[in-house]
């Protein structure tokens, strides 16, 4: 469940998505 409010929050969300995408 992502946050897209500011750059730092977006980067954190993208980092977690990419980490789990690798598992996928």
PDBML (XML) file of the C-alpha atoms, coordinates in Angstrom:
<?xml version="1.0" encoding="UTF-8" ?>
<PDBx:datablock datablockName="MODEL"
   xmlns:PDBx="http://pdbml.pdb.org/schema/pdbx-v50.xsd"
   xmlns:xsi="http://www.w3.org/2001/XMLSchema-instance"
   xsi:schemaLocation="http://pdbml.pdb.org/schema/pdbx-v50.xsd pdbx-v50.xsd">
   <PDBx:atom_siteCategory>
      <PDBx:atom_site id="1">
         <PDBx:B_iso_or_equiv>0.00</PDBx:B_iso_or_equiv>
         <PDBx:Cartn_x>0.000</PDBx:Cartn_x>
         <PDBx:Cartn_y>0.000</PDBx:Cartn_y>
         <PDBx:Cartn_z>0.000</PDBx:Cartn_z>
         <PDBx:auth_asym_id>A</PDBx:auth_asym_id>
         <PDBx:auth_atom_id>CA</PDBx:auth_atom_id>
         <PDBx:auth_comp_id>UNK</PDBx:auth_comp_id>
         <PDBx:auth_seq_id>1</PDBx:auth_seq_id>
         <PDBx:group_PDB>ATOM</PDBx:group_PDB>
         <PDBx:label_alt_id xsi:nil="true" />
         <PDBx:label_asym_id>A</PDBx:label_asym_id>
         <PDBx:label_atom_id>CA</PDBx:label_atom_id>
         <PDBx:label_comp_id>UNK</PDBx:label_comp_id>
         <PDBx:label_entity_id>1</PDBx:label_entity_id>
         <PDBx:label_seq_id>1</PDBx:label_seq_id>
         <PDBx:occupancy>1.00</PDBx:occupancy>
         <PDBx:pdbx_PDB_model_num>1</PDBx:pdbx_PDB_model_num>
         <PDBx:type_symbol>C</PDBx:type_symbol>
      </PDBx:atom_site>
      <PDBx:atom_site id="2">
         <PDBx:B_iso_or_equiv>0.00</PDBx:B_iso_or_equiv>
         <PDBx:Cartn_x>2.013</PDBx:Cartn_x>
         <PDBx:Cartn_y>2.890</PDBx:Cartn_y>
         <PDBx:Cartn_z>-1.386</PDBx:Cartn_z>
         <PDBx:auth_asym_id>A</PDBx:auth_asym_id>
         <PDBx:auth_atom_id>CA</PDBx:auth_atom_id>
         <PDBx:auth_comp_id>UNK</PDBx:auth_comp_id>
         <PDBx:auth_seq_id>2</PDBx:auth_seq_id>
         <PDBx:group_PDB>ATOM</PDBx:group_PDB>
         <PDBx:label_alt_id xsi:nil="true" />
         <PDBx:label_asym_id>A</PDBx:label_asym_id>
         <PDBx:label_atom_id>CA</PDBx:label_atom_id>
         <PDBx:label_comp_id>UNK</PDBx:label_comp_id>
         <PDBx:label_entity_id>1</PDBx:label_entity_id>
         <PDBx:label_seq_id>2</PDBx:label_seq_id>
         <PDBx:occupancy>1.00</PDBx:occupancy>
         <PDBx:pdbx_PDB_model_num>1</PDBx:pdbx_PDB_model_num>
         <PDBx:type_symbol>C</PDBx:type_symbol>
      </PDBx:atom_site>
      <PDBx:atom_site id="3">
         <PDBx:B_iso_or_equiv>0.00</PDBx:B_iso_or_equiv>
         <PDBx:Cartn_x>2.467</PDBx:Cartn_x>
         <PDBx:Cartn_y>6.578</PDBx:Cartn_y>
         <PDBx:Cartn_z>-0.658</PDBx:Cartn_z>
         <PDBx:auth_asym_id>A</PDBx:auth_asym_id>
         <PDBx:auth_atom_id>CA</PDBx:auth_atom_id>
         <PDBx:auth_comp_id>UNK</PDBx:auth_comp_id>
         <PDBx:auth_seq_id>3</PDBx:auth_seq_id>
         <PDBx:group_PDB>ATOM</PDBx:group_PDB>
         <PDBx:label_alt_id xsi:nil="true" />
         <PDBx:label_asym_id>A</PDBx:label_asym_id>
         <PDBx:label_atom_id>CA</PDBx:label_atom_id>
         <PDBx:label_comp_id>UNK</PDBx:label_comp_id>
         <PDBx:label_entity_id>1</PDBx:label_entity_id>
         <PDBx:label_seq_id>3</PDBx:label_seq_id>
         <PDBx:occupancy>1.00</PDBx:occupancy>
         <PDBx:pdbx_PDB_model_num>1</PDBx:pdbx_PDB_model_num>
         <PDBx:type_symbol>C</PDBx:type_symbol>
      </PDBx:atom_site>
      <PDBx:atom_site id="4">
         <PDBx:B_iso_or_equiv>0.00</PDBx:B_iso_or_equiv>
         <PDBx:Cartn_x>2.889</PDBx:Cartn_x>
         <PDBx:Cartn_y>9.009</PDBx:Cartn_y>
         <PDBx:Cartn_z>-3.547</PDBx:Cartn_z>
         <PDBx:auth_asym_id>A</PDBx:auth_asym_id>
         <PDBx:auth_atom_id>CA</PDBx:auth_atom_id>
         <PDBx:auth_comp_id>UNK</PDBx:auth_comp_id>
         <PDBx:auth_seq_id>4</PDBx:auth_seq_id>
         <PDBx:group_PDB>ATOM</PDBx:group_PDB>
         <PDBx:label_alt_id xsi:nil="true" />
         <PDBx:label_asym_id>A</PDBx:label_asym_id>
         <PDBx:label_atom_id>CA</PDBx:label_atom_id>
         <PDBx:label_comp_id>UNK</PDBx:label_comp_id>
         <PDBx:label_entity_id>1</PDBx:label_entity_id>
         <PDBx:label_seq_id>4</PDBx:label_seq_id>
         <PDBx:occupancy>1.00</PDBx:occupancy>
         <PDBx:pdbx_PDB_model_num>1</PDBx:pdbx_PDB_model_num>
         <PDBx:type_symbol>C</PDBx:type_symbol>
      </PDBx:atom_site>
      <PDBx:atom_site id="5">
         <PDBx:B_iso_or_equiv>0.00</PDBx:B_iso_or_equiv>
         <PDBx:Cartn_x>2.841</PDBx:Cartn_x>
         <PDBx:Cartn_y>12.295</PDBx:Cartn_y>
         <PDBx:Cartn_z>-1.675</PDBx:Cartn_z>
         <PDBx:auth_asym_id>A</PDBx:auth_asym_id>
         <PDBx:auth_atom_id>CA</PDBx:auth_atom_id>
         <PDBx:auth_comp_id>UNK</PDBx:auth_comp_id>
         <PDBx:auth_seq_id>5</PDBx:auth_seq_id>
         <PDBx:group_PDB>ATOM</PDBx:group_PDB>
         <PDBx:label_alt_id xsi:nil="true" />
         <PDBx:label_asym_id>A</PDBx:label_asym_id>
         <PDBx:label_atom_id>CA</PDBx:label_atom_id>
         <PDBx:label_comp_id>UNK</PDBx:label_comp_id>
         <PDBx:label_entity_id>1</PDBx:label_entity_id>
         <PDBx:label_seq_id>5</PDBx:label_seq_id>
         <PDBx:occupancy>1.00</PDBx:occupancy>
         <PDBx:pdbx_PDB_model_num>1</PDBx:pdbx_PDB_model_num>
         <PDBx:type_symbol>C</PDBx:type_symbol>
      </PDBx:atom_site>
      <PDBx:atom_site id="6">
         <PDBx:B_iso_or_equiv>0.00</PDBx:B_iso_or_equiv>
         <PDBx:Cartn_x>6.447</PDBx:Cartn_x>
         <PDBx:Cartn_y>13.529</PDBx:Cartn_y>
         <PDBx:Cartn_z>-1.887</PDBx:Cartn_z>
         <PDBx:auth_asym_id>A</PDBx:auth_asym_id>
         <PDBx:auth_atom_id>CA</PDBx:auth_atom_id>
         <PDBx:auth_comp_id>UNK</PDBx:auth_comp_id>
         <PDBx:auth_seq_id>6</PDBx:auth_seq_id>
         <PDBx:group_PDB>ATOM</PDBx:group_PDB>
         <PDBx:label_alt_id xsi:nil="true" />
         <PDBx:label_asym_id>A</PDBx:label_asym_id>
         <PDBx:label_atom_id>CA</PDBx:label_atom_id>
         <PDBx:label_comp_id>UNK</PDBx:label_comp_id>
         <PDBx:label_entity_id>1</PDBx:label_entity_id>
         <PDBx:label_seq_id>6</PDBx:label_seq_id>
         <PDBx:occupancy>1.00</PDBx:occupancy>
         <PDBx:pdbx_PDB_model_num>1</PDBx:pdbx_PDB_model_num>
         <PDBx:type_symbol>C</PDBx:type_symbol>
      </PDBx:atom_site>
      <PDBx:atom_site id="7">
         <PDBx:B_iso_or_equiv>0.00</PDBx:B_iso_or_equiv>
         <PDBx:Cartn_x>9.609</PDBx:Cartn_x>
         <PDBx:Cartn_y>12.330</PDBx:Cartn_y>
         <PDBx:Cartn_z>-3.617</PDBx:Cartn_z>
         <PDBx:auth_asym_id>A</PDBx:auth_asym_id>
         <PDBx:auth_atom_id>CA</PDBx:auth_atom_id>
         <PDBx:auth_comp_id>UNK</PDBx:auth_comp_id>
         <PDBx:auth_seq_id>7</PDBx:auth_seq_id>
         <PDBx:group_PDB>ATOM</PDBx:group_PDB>
         <PDBx:label_alt_id xsi:nil="true" />
         <PDBx:label_asym_id>A</PDBx:label_asym_id>
         <PDBx:label_atom_id>CA</PDBx:label_atom_id>
         <PDBx:label_comp_id>UNK</PDBx:label_comp_id>
         <PDBx:label_entity_id>1</PDBx:label_entity_id>
         <PDBx:label_seq_id>7</PDBx:label_seq_id>
         <PDBx:occupancy>1.00</PDBx:occupancy>
         <PDBx:pdbx_PDB_model_num>1</PDBx:pdbx_PDB_model_num>
         <PDBx:type_symbol>C</PDBx:type_symbol>
      </PDBx:atom_site>
      <PDBx:atom_site id="8">
         <PDBx:B_iso_or_equiv>0.00</PDBx:B_iso_or_equiv>
         <PDBx:Cartn_x>11.073</PDBx:Cartn_x>
         <PDBx:Cartn_y>10.529</PDBx:Cartn_y>
         <PDBx:Cartn_z>-0.596</PDBx:Cartn_z>
         <PDBx:auth_asym_id>A</PDBx:auth_asym_id>
         <PDBx:auth_atom_id>CA</PDBx:auth_atom_id>
         <PDBx:auth_comp_id>UNK</PDBx:auth_comp_id>
         <PDBx:auth_seq_id>8</PDBx:auth_seq_id>
         <PDBx:group_PDB>ATOM</PDBx:group_PDB>
         <PDBx:label_alt_id xsi:nil="true" />
         <PDBx:label_asym_id>A</PDBx:label_asym_id>
         <PDBx:label_atom_id>CA</PDBx:label_atom_id>
         <PDBx:label_comp_id>UNK</PDBx:label_comp_id>
         <PDBx:label_entity_id>1</PDBx:label_entity_id>
         <PDBx:label_seq_id>8</PDBx:label_seq_id>
         <PDBx:occupancy>1.00</PDBx:occupancy>
         <PDBx:pdbx_PDB_model_num>1</PDBx:pdbx_PDB_model_num>
         <PDBx:type_symbol>C</PDBx:type_symbol>
      </PDBx:atom_site>
      <PDBx:atom_site id="9">
         <PDBx:B_iso_or_equiv>0.00</PDBx:B_iso_or_equiv>
         <PDBx:Cartn_x>7.808</PDBx:Cartn_x>
         <PDBx:Cartn_y>8.637</PDBx:Cartn_y>
         <PDBx:Cartn_z>-0.044</PDBx:Cartn_z>
         <PDBx:auth_asym_id>A</PDBx:auth_asym_id>
         <PDBx:auth_atom_id>CA</PDBx:auth_atom_id>
         <PDBx:auth_comp_id>UNK</PDBx:auth_comp_id>
         <PDBx:auth_seq_id>9</PDBx:auth_seq_id>
         <PDBx:group_PDB>ATOM</PDBx:group_PDB>
         <PDBx:label_alt_id xsi:nil="true" />
         <PDBx:label_asym_id>A</PDBx:label_asym_id>
         <PDBx:label_atom_id>CA</PDBx:label_atom_id>
         <PDBx:label_comp_id>UNK</PDBx:label_comp_id>
         <PDBx:label_entity_id>1</PDBx:label_entity_id>
         <PDBx:label_seq_id>9</PDBx:label_seq_id>
         <PDBx:occupancy>1.00</PDBx:occupancy>
         <PDBx:pdbx_PDB_model_num>1</PDBx:pdbx_PDB_model_num>
         <PDBx:type_symbol>C</PDBx:type_symbol>
      </PDBx:atom_site>
      <PDBx:atom_site id="10">
         <PDBx:B_iso_or_equiv>0.00</PDBx:B_iso_or_equiv>
         <PDBx:Cartn_x>7.565</PDBx:Cartn_x>
         <PDBx:Cartn_y>7.721</PDBx:Cartn_y>
         <PDBx:Cartn_z>-3.724</PDBx:Cartn_z>
         <PDBx:auth_asym_id>A</PDBx:auth_asym_id>
         <PDBx:auth_atom_id>CA</PDBx:auth_atom_id>
         <PDBx:auth_comp_id>UNK</PDBx:auth_comp_id>
         <PDBx:auth_seq_id>10</PDBx:auth_seq_id>
         <PDBx:group_PDB>ATOM</PDBx:group_PDB>
         <PDBx:label_alt_id xsi:nil="true" />
         <PDBx:label_asym_id>A</PDBx:label_asym_id>
         <PDBx:label_atom_id>CA</PDBx:label_atom_id>
         <PDBx:label_comp_id>UNK</PDBx:label_comp_id>
         <PDBx:label_entity_id>1</PDBx:label_entity_id>
         <PDBx:label_seq_id>10</PDBx:label_seq_id>
         <PDBx:occupancy>1.00</PDBx:occupancy>
         <PDBx:pdbx_PDB_model_num>1</PDBx:pdbx_PDB_model_num>
         <PDBx:type_symbol>C</PDBx:type_symbol>
      </PDBx:atom_site>
      <PDBx:atom_site id="11">
         <PDBx:B_iso_or_equiv>0.00</PDBx:B_iso_or_equiv>
         <PDBx:Cartn_x>11.154</PDBx:Cartn_x>
         <PDBx:Cartn_y>6.473</PDBx:Cartn_y>
         <PDBx:Cartn_z>-3.733</PDBx:Cartn_z>
         <PDBx:auth_asym_id>A</PDBx:auth_asym_id>
         <PDBx:auth_atom_id>CA</PDBx:auth_atom_id>
         <PDBx:auth_comp_id>UNK</PDBx:auth_comp_id>
         <PDBx:auth_seq_id>11</PDBx:auth_seq_id>
         <PDBx:group_PDB>ATOM</PDBx:group_PDB>
         <PDBx:label_alt_id xsi:nil="true" />
         <PDBx:label_asym_id>A</PDBx:label_asym_id>
         <PDBx:label_atom_id>CA</PDBx:label_atom_id>
         <PDBx:label_comp_id>UNK</PDBx:label_comp_id>
         <PDBx:label_entity_id>1</PDBx:label_entity_id>
         <PDBx:label_seq_id>11</PDBx:label_seq_id>
         <PDBx:occupancy>1.00</PDBx:occupancy>
         <PDBx:pdbx_PDB_model_num>1</PDBx:pdbx_PDB_model_num>
         <PDBx:type_symbol>C</PDBx:type_symbol>
      </PDBx:atom_site>
      <PDBx:atom_site id="12">
         <PDBx:B_iso_or_equiv>0.00</PDBx:B_iso_or_equiv>
         <PDBx:Cartn_x>10.498</PDBx:Cartn_x>
         <PDBx:Cartn_y>4.329</PDBx:Cartn_y>
         <PDBx:Cartn_z>-0.665</PDBx:Cartn_z>
         <PDBx:auth_asym_id>A</PDBx:auth_asym_id>
         <PDBx:auth_atom_id>CA</PDBx:auth_atom_id>
         <PDBx:auth_comp_id>UNK</PDBx:auth_comp_id>
         <PDBx:auth_seq_id>12</PDBx:auth_seq_id>
         <PDBx:group_PDB>ATOM</PDBx:group_PDB>
         <PDBx:label_alt_id xsi:nil="true" />
         <PDBx:label_asym_id>A</PDBx:label_asym_id>
         <PDBx:label_atom_id>CA</PDBx:label_atom_id>
         <PDBx:label_comp_id>UNK</PDBx:label_comp_id>
         <PDBx:label_entity_id>1</PDBx:label_entity_id>
         <PDBx:label_seq_id>12</PDBx:label_seq_id>
         <PDBx:occupancy>1.00</PDBx:occupancy>
         <PDBx:pdbx_PDB_model_num>1</PDBx:pdbx_PDB_model_num>
         <PDBx:type_symbol>C</PDBx:type_symbol>
      </PDBx:atom_site>
      <PDBx:atom_site id="13">
         <PDBx:B_iso_or_equiv>0.00</PDBx:B_iso_or_equiv>
         <PDBx:Cartn_x>7.409</PDBx:Cartn_x>
         <PDBx:Cartn_y>2.851</PDBx:Cartn_y>
         <PDBx:Cartn_z>-2.319</PDBx:Cartn_z>
         <PDBx:auth_asym_id>A</PDBx:auth_asym_id>
         <PDBx:auth_atom_id>CA</PDBx:auth_atom_id>
         <PDBx:auth_comp_id>UNK</PDBx:auth_comp_id>
         <PDBx:auth_seq_id>13</PDBx:auth_seq_id>
         <PDBx:group_PDB>ATOM</PDBx:group_PDB>
         <PDBx:label_alt_id xsi:nil="true" />
         <PDBx:label_asym_id>A</PDBx:label_asym_id>
         <PDBx:label_atom_id>CA</PDBx:label_atom_id>
         <PDBx:label_comp_id>UNK</PDBx:label_comp_id>
         <PDBx:label_entity_id>1</PDBx:label_entity_id>
         <PDBx:label_seq_id>13</PDBx:label_seq_id>
         <PDBx:occupancy>1.00</PDBx:occupancy>
         <PDBx:pdbx_PDB_model_num>1</PDBx:pdbx_PDB_model_num>
         <PDBx:type_symbol>C</PDBx:type_symbol>
      </PDBx:atom_site>
      <PDBx:atom_site id="14">
         <PDBx:B_iso_or_equiv>0.00</PDBx:B_iso_or_equiv>
         <PDBx:Cartn_x>9.249</PDBx:Cartn_x>
         <PDBx:Cartn_y>2.136</PDBx:Cartn_y>
         <PDBx:Cartn_z>-5.587</PDBx:Cartn_z>
         <PDBx:auth_asym_id>A</PDBx:auth_asym_id>
         <PDBx:auth_atom_id>CA</PDBx:auth_atom_id>
         <PDBx:auth_comp_id>UNK</PDBx:auth_comp_id>
         <PDBx:auth_seq_id>14</PDBx:auth_seq_id>
         <PDBx:group_PDB>ATOM</PDBx:group_PDB>
         <PDBx:label_alt_id xsi:nil="true" />
         <PDBx:label_asym_id>A</PDBx:label_asym_id>
         <PDBx:label_atom_id>CA</PDBx:label_atom_id>
         <PDBx:label_comp_id>UNK</PDBx:label_comp_id>
         <PDBx:label_entity_id>1</PDBx:label_entity_id>
         <PDBx:label_seq_id>14</PDBx:label_seq_id>
         <PDBx:occupancy>1.00</PDBx:occupancy>
         <PDBx:pdbx_PDB_model_num>1</PDBx:pdbx_PDB_model_num>
         <PDBx:type_symbol>C</PDBx:type_symbol>
      </PDBx:atom_site>
      <PDBx:atom_site id="15">
         <PDBx:B_iso_or_equiv>0.00</PDBx:B_iso_or_equiv>
         <PDBx:Cartn_x>12.178</PDBx:Cartn_x>
         <PDBx:Cartn_y>0.539</PDBx:Cartn_y>
         <PDBx:Cartn_z>-3.735</PDBx:Cartn_z>
         <PDBx:auth_asym_id>A</PDBx:auth_asym_id>
         <PDBx:auth_atom_id>CA</PDBx:auth_atom_id>
         <PDBx:auth_comp_id>UNK</PDBx:auth_comp_id>
         <PDBx:auth_seq_id>15</PDBx:auth_seq_id>
         <PDBx:group_PDB>ATOM</PDBx:group_PDB>
         <PDBx:label_alt_id xsi:nil="true" />
         <PDBx:label_asym_id>A</PDBx:label_asym_id>
         <PDBx:label_atom_id>CA</PDBx:label_atom_id>
         <PDBx:label_comp_id>UNK</PDBx:label_comp_id>
         <PDBx:label_entity_id>1</PDBx:label_entity_id>
         <PDBx:label_seq_id>15</PDBx:label_seq_id>
         <PDBx:occupancy>1.00</PDBx:occupancy>
         <PDBx:pdbx_PDB_model_num>1</PDBx:pdbx_PDB_model_num>
         <PDBx:type_symbol>C</PDBx:type_symbol>
      </PDBx:atom_site>
      <PDBx:atom_site id="16">
         <PDBx:B_iso_or_equiv>0.00</PDBx:B_iso_or_equiv>
         <PDBx:Cartn_x>9.825</PDBx:Cartn_x>
         <PDBx:Cartn_y>-1.867</PDBx:Cartn_y>
         <PDBx:Cartn_z>-1.939</PDBx:Cartn_z>
         <PDBx:auth_asym_id>A</PDBx:auth_asym_id>
         <PDBx:auth_atom_id>CA</PDBx:auth_atom_id>
         <PDBx:auth_comp_id>UNK</PDBx:auth_comp_id>
         <PDBx:auth_seq_id>16</PDBx:auth_seq_id>
         <PDBx:group_PDB>ATOM</PDBx:group_PDB>
         <PDBx:label_alt_id xsi:nil="true" />
         <PDBx:label_asym_id>A</PDBx:label_asym_id>
         <PDBx:label_atom_id>CA</PDBx:label_atom_id>
         <PDBx:label_comp_id>UNK</PDBx:label_comp_id>
         <PDBx:label_entity_id>1</PDBx:label_entity_id>
         <PDBx:label_seq_id>16</PDBx:label_seq_id>
         <PDBx:occupancy>1.00</PDBx:occupancy>
         <PDBx:pdbx_PDB_model_num>1</PDBx:pdbx_PDB_model_num>
         <PDBx:type_symbol>C</PDBx:type_symbol>
      </PDBx:atom_site>
      <PDBx:atom_site id="17">
         <PDBx:B_iso_or_equiv>0.00</PDBx:B_iso_or_equiv>
         <PDBx:Cartn_x>7.939</PDBx:Cartn_x>
         <PDBx:Cartn_y>-2.669</PDBx:Cartn_y>
         <PDBx:Cartn_z>-5.148</PDBx:Cartn_z>
         <PDBx:auth_asym_id>A</PDBx:auth_asym_id>
         <PDBx:auth_atom_id>CA</PDBx:auth_atom_id>
         <PDBx:auth_comp_id>UNK</PDBx:auth_comp_id>
         <PDBx:auth_seq_id>17</PDBx:auth_seq_id>
         <PDBx:group_PDB>ATOM</PDBx:group_PDB>
         <PDBx:label_alt_id xsi:nil="true" />
         <PDBx:label_asym_id>A</PDBx:label_asym_id>
         <PDBx:label_atom_id>CA</PDBx:label_atom_id>
         <PDBx:label_comp_id>UNK</PDBx:label_comp_id>
         <PDBx:label_entity_id>1</PDBx:label_entity_id>
         <PDBx:label_seq_id>17</PDBx:label_seq_id>
         <PDBx:occupancy>1.00</PDBx:occupancy>
         <PDBx:pdbx_PDB_model_num>1</PDBx:pdbx_PDB_model_num>
         <PDBx:type_symbol>C</PDBx:type_symbol>
      </PDBx:atom_site>
      <PDBx:atom_site id="18">
         <PDBx:B_iso_or_equiv>0.00</PDBx:B_iso_or_equiv>
         <PDBx:Cartn_x>11.181</PDBx:Cartn_x>
         <PDBx:Cartn_y>-3.470</PDBx:Cartn_y>
         <PDBx:Cartn_z>-6.977</PDBx:Cartn_z>
         <PDBx:auth_asym_id>A</PDBx:auth_asym_id>
         <PDBx:auth_atom_id>CA</PDBx:auth_atom_id>
         <PDBx:auth_comp_id>UNK</PDBx:auth_comp_id>
         <PDBx:auth_seq_id>18</PDBx:auth_seq_id>
         <PDBx:group_PDB>ATOM</PDBx:group_PDB>
         <PDBx:label_alt_id xsi:nil="true" />
         <PDBx:label_asym_id>A</PDBx:label_asym_id>
         <PDBx:label_atom_id>CA</PDBx:label_atom_id>
         <PDBx:label_comp_id>UNK</PDBx:label_comp_id>
         <PDBx:label_entity_id>1</PDBx:label_entity_id>
         <PDBx:label_seq_id>18</PDBx:label_seq_id>
         <PDBx:occupancy>1.00</PDBx:occupancy>
         <PDBx:pdbx_PDB_model_num>1</PDBx:pdbx_PDB_model_num>
         <PDBx:type_symbol>C</PDBx:type_symbol>
      </PDBx:atom_site>
      <PDBx:atom_site id="19">
         <PDBx:B_iso_or_equiv>0.00</PDBx:B_iso_or_equiv>
         <PDBx:Cartn_x>12.364</PDBx:Cartn_x>
         <PDBx:Cartn_y>-5.617</PDBx:Cartn_y>
         <PDBx:Cartn_z>-4.081</PDBx:Cartn_z>
         <PDBx:auth_asym_id>A</PDBx:auth_asym_id>
         <PDBx:auth_atom_id>CA</PDBx:auth_atom_id>
         <PDBx:auth_comp_id>UNK</PDBx:auth_comp_id>
         <PDBx:auth_seq_id>19</PDBx:auth_seq_id>
         <PDBx:group_PDB>ATOM</PDBx:group_PDB>
         <PDBx:label_alt_id xsi:nil="true" />
         <PDBx:label_asym_id>A</PDBx:label_asym_id>
         <PDBx:label_atom_id>CA</PDBx:label_atom_id>
         <PDBx:label_comp_id>UNK</PDBx:label_comp_id>
         <PDBx:label_entity_id>1</PDBx:label_entity_id>
         <PDBx:label_seq_id>19</PDBx:label_seq_id>
         <PDBx:occupancy>1.00</PDBx:occupancy>
         <PDBx:pdbx_PDB_model_num>1</PDBx:pdbx_PDB_model_num>
         <PDBx:type_symbol>C</PDBx:type_symbol>
      </PDBx:atom_site>
      <PDBx:atom_site id="20">
         <PDBx:B_iso_or_equiv>0.00</PDBx:B_iso_or_equiv>
         <PDBx:Cartn_x>9.175</PDBx:Cartn_x>
         <PDBx:Cartn_y>-7.694</PDBx:Cartn_y>
         <PDBx:Cartn_z>-4.143</PDBx:Cartn_z>
         <PDBx:auth_asym_id>A</PDBx:auth_asym_id>
         <PDBx:auth_atom_id>CA</PDBx:auth_atom_id>
         <PDBx:auth_comp_id>UNK</PDBx:auth_comp_id>
         <PDBx:auth_seq_id>20</PDBx:auth_seq_id>
         <PDBx:group_PDB>ATOM</PDBx:group_PDB>
         <PDBx:label_alt_id xsi:nil="true" />
         <PDBx:label_asym_id>A</PDBx:label_asym_id>
         <PDBx:label_atom_id>CA</PDBx:label_atom_id>
         <PDBx:label_comp_id>UNK</PDBx:label_comp_id>
         <PDBx:label_entity_id>1</PDBx:label_entity_id>
         <PDBx:label_seq_id>20</PDBx:label_seq_id>
         <PDBx:occupancy>1.00</PDBx:occupancy>
         <PDBx:pdbx_PDB_model_num>1</PDBx:pdbx_PDB_model_num>
         <PDBx:type_symbol>C</PDBx:type_symbol>
      </PDBx:atom_site>
      <PDBx:atom_site id="21">
         <PDBx:B_iso_or_equiv>0.00</PDBx:B_iso_or_equiv>
         <PDBx:Cartn_x>9.097</PDBx:Cartn_x>
         <PDBx:Cartn_y>-7.701</PDBx:Cartn_y>
         <PDBx:Cartn_z>-7.975</PDBx:Cartn_z>
         <PDBx:auth_asym_id>A</PDBx:auth_asym_id>
         <PDBx:auth_atom_id>CA</PDBx:auth_atom_id>
         <PDBx:auth_comp_id>UNK</PDBx:auth_comp_id>
         <PDBx:auth_seq_id>21</PDBx:auth_seq_id>
         <PDBx:group_PDB>ATOM</PDBx:group_PDB>
         <PDBx:label_alt_id xsi:nil="true" />
         <PDBx:label_asym_id>A</PDBx:label_asym_id>
         <PDBx:label_atom_id>CA</PDBx:label_atom_id>
         <PDBx:label_comp_id>UNK</PDBx:label_comp_id>
         <PDBx:label_entity_id>1</PDBx:label_entity_id>
         <PDBx:label_seq_id>21</PDBx:label_seq_id>
         <PDBx:occupancy>1.00</PDBx:occupancy>
         <PDBx:pdbx_PDB_model_num>1</PDBx:pdbx_PDB_model_num>
         <PDBx:type_symbol>C</PDBx:type_symbol>
      </PDBx:atom_site>
      <PDBx:atom_site id="22">
         <PDBx:B_iso_or_equiv>0.00</PDBx:B_iso_or_equiv>
         <PDBx:Cartn_x>12.414</PDBx:Cartn_x>
         <PDBx:Cartn_y>-9.546</PDBx:Cartn_y>
         <PDBx:Cartn_z>-7.846</PDBx:Cartn_z>
         <PDBx:auth_asym_id>A</PDBx:auth_asym_id>
         <PDBx:auth_atom_id>CA</PDBx:auth_atom_id>
         <PDBx:auth_comp_id>UNK</PDBx:auth_comp_id>
         <PDBx:auth_seq_id>22</PDBx:auth_seq_id>
         <PDBx:group_PDB>ATOM</PDBx:group_PDB>
         <PDBx:label_alt_id xsi:nil="true" />
         <PDBx:label_asym_id>A</PDBx:label_asym_id>
         <PDBx:label_atom_id>CA</PDBx:label_atom_id>
         <PDBx:label_comp_id>UNK</PDBx:label_comp_id>
         <PDBx:label_entity_id>1</PDBx:label_entity_id>
         <PDBx:label_seq_id>22</PDBx:label_seq_id>
         <PDBx:occupancy>1.00</PDBx:occupancy>
         <PDBx:pdbx_PDB_model_num>1</PDBx:pdbx_PDB_model_num>
         <PDBx:type_symbol>C</PDBx:type_symbol>
      </PDBx:atom_site>
      <PDBx:atom_site id="23">
         <PDBx:B_iso_or_equiv>0.00</PDBx:B_iso_or_equiv>
         <PDBx:Cartn_x>10.815</PDBx:Cartn_x>
         <PDBx:Cartn_y>-12.208</PDBx:Cartn_y>
         <PDBx:Cartn_z>-5.633</PDBx:Cartn_z>
         <PDBx:auth_asym_id>A</PDBx:auth_asym_id>
         <PDBx:auth_atom_id>CA</PDBx:auth_atom_id>
         <PDBx:auth_comp_id>UNK</PDBx:auth_comp_id>
         <PDBx:auth_seq_id>23</PDBx:auth_seq_id>
         <PDBx:group_PDB>ATOM</PDBx:group_PDB>
         <PDBx:label_alt_id xsi:nil="true" />
         <PDBx:label_asym_id>A</PDBx:label_asym_id>
         <PDBx:label_atom_id>CA</PDBx:label_atom_id>
         <PDBx:label_comp_id>UNK</PDBx:label_comp_id>
         <PDBx:label_entity_id>1</PDBx:label_entity_id>
         <PDBx:label_seq_id>23</PDBx:label_seq_id>
         <PDBx:occupancy>1.00</PDBx:occupancy>
         <PDBx:pdbx_PDB_model_num>1</PDBx:pdbx_PDB_model_num>
         <PDBx:type_symbol>C</PDBx:type_symbol>
      </PDBx:atom_site>
      <PDBx:atom_site id="24">
         <PDBx:B_iso_or_equiv>0.00</PDBx:B_iso_or_equiv>
         <PDBx:Cartn_x>7.931</PDBx:Cartn_x>
         <PDBx:Cartn_y>-12.396</PDBx:Cartn_y>
         <PDBx:Cartn_z>-8.114</PDBx:Cartn_z>
         <PDBx:auth_asym_id>A</PDBx:auth_asym_id>
         <PDBx:auth_atom_id>CA</PDBx:auth_atom_id>
         <PDBx:auth_comp_id>UNK</PDBx:auth_comp_id>
         <PDBx:auth_seq_id>24</PDBx:auth_seq_id>
         <PDBx:group_PDB>ATOM</PDBx:group_PDB>
         <PDBx:label_alt_id xsi:nil="true" />
         <PDBx:label_asym_id>A</PDBx:label_asym_id>
         <PDBx:label_atom_id>CA</PDBx:label_atom_id>
         <PDBx:label_comp_id>UNK</PDBx:label_comp_id>
         <PDBx:label_entity_id>1</PDBx:label_entity_id>
         <PDBx:label_seq_id>24</PDBx:label_seq_id>
         <PDBx:occupancy>1.00</PDBx:occupancy>
         <PDBx:pdbx_PDB_model_num>1</PDBx:pdbx_PDB_model_num>
         <PDBx:type_symbol>C</PDBx:type_symbol>
      </PDBx:atom_site>
   </PDBx:atom_siteCategory>
</PDBx:datablock>
